[in-house]
């Protein structure tokens, strides 16, 4: 099973978009992401991003996602999980 088909089968389309965005950011060395910037880049609302990131924090086995800060927009810390 390819990574894309795994994401498509396990997560909603919005969650898949967010995971792809987070993985792209991790590849360039980012580990902190603001909901409002994810929303702007993906054409979603910040609330929609926050709701889905909270769900992903509980169900995603590939990434360690946690709320980090609440100033001016929720900041999320995202790290790859050790395999």
N, C-alpha and C. Protein backbone atom coordinates (compact mmCIF):
# COMPACT_ATOMS: atom_id res chain seq x y z
N UNK A 1 0.84 -1.18 0.00
CA UNK A 1 0.00 0.00 0.00
C UNK A 1 0.88 1.24 0.00
N UNK A 2 0.64 2.15 -0.92
CA UNK A 2 1.43 3.37 -0.99
C UNK A 2 1.00 4.32 0.11
N UNK A 3 1.87 5.27 0.41
CA UNK A 3 1.58 6.25 1.46
C UNK A 3 0.31 7.04 1.15
N UNK A 4 0.15 7.47 -0.12
CA UNK A 4 -1.02 8.24 -0.50
C UNK A 4 -2.31 7.44 -0.32
N UNK A 5 -2.31 6.17 -0.71
CA UNK A 5 -3.53 5.38 -0.56
C UNK A 5 -3.80 5.08 0.91
N UNK A 6 -2.75 4.96 1.73
CA UNK A 6 -2.92 4.75 3.17
C UNK A 6 -3.61 5.96 3.79
N UNK A 7 -3.13 7.15 3.45
CA UNK A 7 -3.74 8.37 3.98
C UNK A 7 -5.18 8.48 3.51
N UNK A 8 -5.43 8.17 2.24
CA UNK A 8 -6.77 8.27 1.68
C UNK A 8 -7.74 7.30 2.38
N UNK A 9 -7.28 6.11 2.71
CA UNK A 9 -8.14 5.11 3.33
C UNK A 9 -8.38 5.34 4.82
N UNK A 10 -7.39 5.89 5.52
CA UNK A 10 -7.48 6.02 6.98
C UNK A 10 -8.08 7.35 7.43
N UNK A 11 -7.88 8.41 6.67
CA UNK A 11 -8.27 9.75 7.10
C UNK A 11 -9.26 10.38 6.13
N UNK A 12 -9.97 11.41 6.60
CA UNK A 12 -10.85 12.16 5.71
C UNK A 12 -9.99 12.94 4.72
N UNK A 13 -10.62 13.48 3.69
CA UNK A 13 -9.85 14.24 2.70
C UNK A 13 -9.21 15.48 3.34
N UNK A 14 -9.91 16.14 4.24
CA UNK A 14 -9.34 17.31 4.92
C UNK A 14 -8.16 16.91 5.78
N UNK A 15 -8.29 15.82 6.51
CA UNK A 15 -7.18 15.35 7.34
C UNK A 15 -6.00 14.94 6.48
N UNK A 16 -6.27 14.33 5.33
CA UNK A 16 -5.20 13.97 4.41
C UNK A 16 -4.45 15.18 3.90
N UNK A 17 -5.18 16.26 3.57
CA UNK A 17 -4.55 17.49 3.12
C UNK A 17 -3.66 18.07 4.21
N UNK A 18 -4.18 18.07 5.44
CA UNK A 18 -3.42 18.61 6.56
C UNK A 18 -2.17 17.78 6.81
N UNK A 19 -2.29 16.46 6.78
CA UNK A 19 -1.13 15.59 6.98
C UNK A 19 -0.07 15.80 5.90
N UNK A 20 -0.50 15.94 4.67
CA UNK A 20 0.45 16.20 3.59
C UNK A 20 1.17 17.53 3.81
N UNK A 21 0.42 18.54 4.23
CA UNK A 21 0.99 19.85 4.53
C UNK A 21 2.03 19.73 5.66
N UNK A 22 1.67 19.04 6.73
CA UNK A 22 2.58 18.88 7.87
C UNK A 22 3.83 18.11 7.46
N UNK A 23 3.66 17.04 6.69
CA UNK A 23 4.82 16.27 6.24
C UNK A 23 5.75 17.08 5.36
N UNK A 24 5.18 17.93 4.51
CA UNK A 24 6.00 18.81 3.67
C UNK A 24 6.80 19.78 4.54
N UNK A 25 6.15 20.33 5.56
CA UNK A 25 6.83 21.23 6.48
C UNK A 25 7.93 20.54 7.25
N UNK A 26 7.67 19.31 7.69
CA UNK A 26 8.70 18.55 8.42
C UNK A 26 9.92 18.29 7.55
N UNK A 27 9.70 18.04 6.27
CA UNK A 27 10.81 17.77 5.35
C UNK A 27 11.76 18.95 5.23
N UNK A 28 11.24 20.17 5.41
CA UNK A 28 12.11 21.36 5.31
C UNK A 28 12.56 21.86 6.68
N UNK A 29 12.27 21.08 7.72
CA UNK A 29 12.79 21.38 9.05
C UNK A 29 11.85 22.11 9.99
N UNK A 30 10.61 22.33 9.60
CA UNK A 30 9.65 22.99 10.50
C UNK A 30 9.09 21.97 11.48
N UNK A 31 8.78 22.44 12.69
CA UNK A 31 8.08 21.56 13.63
C UNK A 31 6.96 22.29 14.36
N UNK A 32 6.81 23.59 14.13
CA UNK A 32 5.73 24.37 14.72
C UNK A 32 4.88 24.96 13.60
N UNK A 33 3.56 24.80 13.73
CA UNK A 33 2.63 25.22 12.69
C UNK A 33 1.46 25.95 13.34
N UNK A 34 1.09 27.11 12.80
CA UNK A 34 -0.07 27.85 13.29
C UNK A 34 -1.30 27.47 12.47
N UNK A 35 -2.41 27.25 13.17
CA UNK A 35 -3.65 26.87 12.50
C UNK A 35 -4.05 27.86 11.42
N UNK A 36 -3.90 29.17 11.70
CA UNK A 36 -4.36 30.17 10.74
C UNK A 36 -3.55 30.14 9.45
N UNK A 37 -2.27 29.80 9.53
CA UNK A 37 -1.45 29.73 8.31
C UNK A 37 -1.72 28.45 7.52
N UNK A 38 -1.95 27.35 8.23
CA UNK A 38 -2.34 26.11 7.56
C UNK A 38 -3.65 26.36 6.82
N UNK A 39 -4.60 26.99 7.52
CA UNK A 39 -5.92 27.26 6.94
C UNK A 39 -5.78 28.13 5.69
N UNK A 40 -4.99 29.17 5.78
CA UNK A 40 -4.80 30.07 4.63
C UNK A 40 -4.20 29.33 3.45
N UNK A 41 -3.18 28.53 3.69
CA UNK A 41 -2.49 27.81 2.62
C UNK A 41 -3.36 26.73 1.99
N UNK A 42 -4.25 26.12 2.77
CA UNK A 42 -5.07 25.02 2.27
C UNK A 42 -6.50 25.42 1.90
N UNK A 43 -6.86 26.69 2.12
CA UNK A 43 -8.21 27.14 1.80
C UNK A 43 -9.26 26.61 2.76
N UNK A 44 -8.88 26.45 4.02
CA UNK A 44 -9.79 25.97 5.06
C UNK A 44 -9.97 27.06 6.10
N UNK A 45 -10.89 26.87 7.03
CA UNK A 45 -11.03 27.81 8.14
C UNK A 45 -10.08 27.38 9.26
N UNK A 46 -9.61 28.34 10.07
CA UNK A 46 -8.75 27.97 11.21
C UNK A 46 -9.44 27.01 12.17
N UNK A 47 -10.75 27.17 12.35
CA UNK A 47 -11.49 26.27 13.23
C UNK A 47 -11.49 24.85 12.67
N UNK A 48 -11.67 24.73 11.36
CA UNK A 48 -11.67 23.42 10.70
C UNK A 48 -10.30 22.75 10.87
N UNK A 49 -9.25 23.54 10.72
CA UNK A 49 -7.89 23.01 10.90
C UNK A 49 -7.69 22.56 12.34
N UNK A 50 -8.08 23.40 13.29
CA UNK A 50 -7.91 23.06 14.70
C UNK A 50 -8.67 21.81 15.11
N UNK A 51 -9.90 21.70 14.63
CA UNK A 51 -10.71 20.52 14.94
C UNK A 51 -10.06 19.26 14.40
N UNK A 52 -9.61 19.32 13.15
CA UNK A 52 -8.99 18.14 12.54
C UNK A 52 -7.63 17.82 13.15
N UNK A 53 -6.86 18.84 13.53
CA UNK A 53 -5.57 18.57 14.18
C UNK A 53 -5.78 17.92 15.54
N UNK A 54 -6.82 18.32 16.27
CA UNK A 54 -7.11 17.69 17.56
C UNK A 54 -7.47 16.21 17.36
N UNK A 55 -8.22 15.92 16.32
CA UNK A 55 -8.54 14.52 16.00
C UNK A 55 -7.28 13.76 15.61
N UNK A 56 -6.49 14.37 14.74
CA UNK A 56 -5.25 13.72 14.29
C UNK A 56 -4.28 13.48 15.45
N UNK A 57 -4.28 14.38 16.43
CA UNK A 57 -3.40 14.20 17.59
C UNK A 57 -3.72 12.89 18.30
N UNK A 58 -4.99 12.48 18.25
CA UNK A 58 -5.41 11.24 18.91
C UNK A 58 -5.25 10.00 18.04
N UNK A 59 -5.43 10.13 16.73
CA UNK A 59 -5.49 8.93 15.88
C UNK A 59 -4.28 8.72 14.97
N UNK A 60 -3.45 9.73 14.81
CA UNK A 60 -2.33 9.61 13.86
C UNK A 60 -1.16 8.88 14.50
N UNK A 61 -0.78 7.76 13.89
CA UNK A 61 0.35 6.97 14.40
C UNK A 61 1.69 7.45 13.85
N UNK A 62 1.67 8.19 12.74
CA UNK A 62 2.91 8.59 12.07
C UNK A 62 3.53 9.85 12.66
N UNK A 63 2.68 10.75 13.20
CA UNK A 63 3.16 12.03 13.70
C UNK A 63 2.73 12.24 15.15
N UNK A 64 3.58 12.88 15.92
CA UNK A 64 3.25 13.30 17.27
C UNK A 64 2.78 14.75 17.18
N UNK A 65 1.49 14.97 17.33
CA UNK A 65 0.88 16.29 17.17
C UNK A 65 0.36 16.74 18.53
N UNK A 66 0.78 17.95 18.96
CA UNK A 66 0.30 18.46 20.24
C UNK A 66 0.11 19.97 20.18
N UNK A 67 -0.89 20.45 20.92
CA UNK A 67 -1.10 21.90 21.03
C UNK A 67 0.09 22.47 21.79
N UNK A 68 0.63 23.55 21.29
CA UNK A 68 1.83 24.10 21.90
C UNK A 68 1.57 25.47 22.52
N UNK A 69 0.86 26.34 21.82
CA UNK A 69 0.65 27.70 22.29
C UNK A 69 -0.67 28.24 21.75
N UNK A 70 -1.24 29.22 22.44
CA UNK A 70 -2.52 29.78 22.01
C UNK A 70 -2.45 31.26 21.66
N UNK A 71 -1.29 31.87 21.60
CA UNK A 71 -1.22 33.30 21.34
C UNK A 71 -1.48 33.62 19.87
N UNK A 72 -2.51 34.40 19.61
CA UNK A 72 -2.85 34.89 18.28
C UNK A 72 -3.32 33.81 17.32
N UNK A 73 -3.24 32.59 17.65
CA UNK A 73 -3.70 31.45 16.88
C UNK A 73 -3.07 30.23 17.53
N UNK A 74 -3.74 29.11 17.48
CA UNK A 74 -3.16 27.92 18.08
C UNK A 74 -1.94 27.48 17.30
N UNK A 75 -0.86 27.26 18.03
CA UNK A 75 0.36 26.72 17.44
C UNK A 75 0.43 25.24 17.80
N UNK A 76 0.76 24.45 16.81
CA UNK A 76 0.87 23.00 16.99
C UNK A 76 2.31 22.57 16.81
N UNK A 77 2.78 21.71 17.71
CA UNK A 77 4.10 21.11 17.55
C UNK A 77 3.90 19.74 16.92
N UNK A 78 4.64 19.52 15.84
CA UNK A 78 4.49 18.27 15.10
C UNK A 78 5.88 17.65 14.93
N UNK A 79 6.00 16.40 15.35
CA UNK A 79 7.25 15.66 15.21
C UNK A 79 6.95 14.27 14.66
N UNK A 80 7.88 13.72 13.90
CA UNK A 80 7.67 12.33 13.44
C UNK A 80 7.76 11.40 14.66
N UNK A 81 6.94 10.38 14.66
CA UNK A 81 7.01 9.38 15.74
C UNK A 81 8.13 8.40 15.43
N UNK A 82 8.82 7.99 16.46
CA UNK A 82 9.85 6.96 16.29
C UNK A 82 9.17 5.64 15.95
N UNK A 83 9.72 4.94 15.00
CA UNK A 83 9.13 3.67 14.56
C UNK A 83 9.68 2.53 15.36
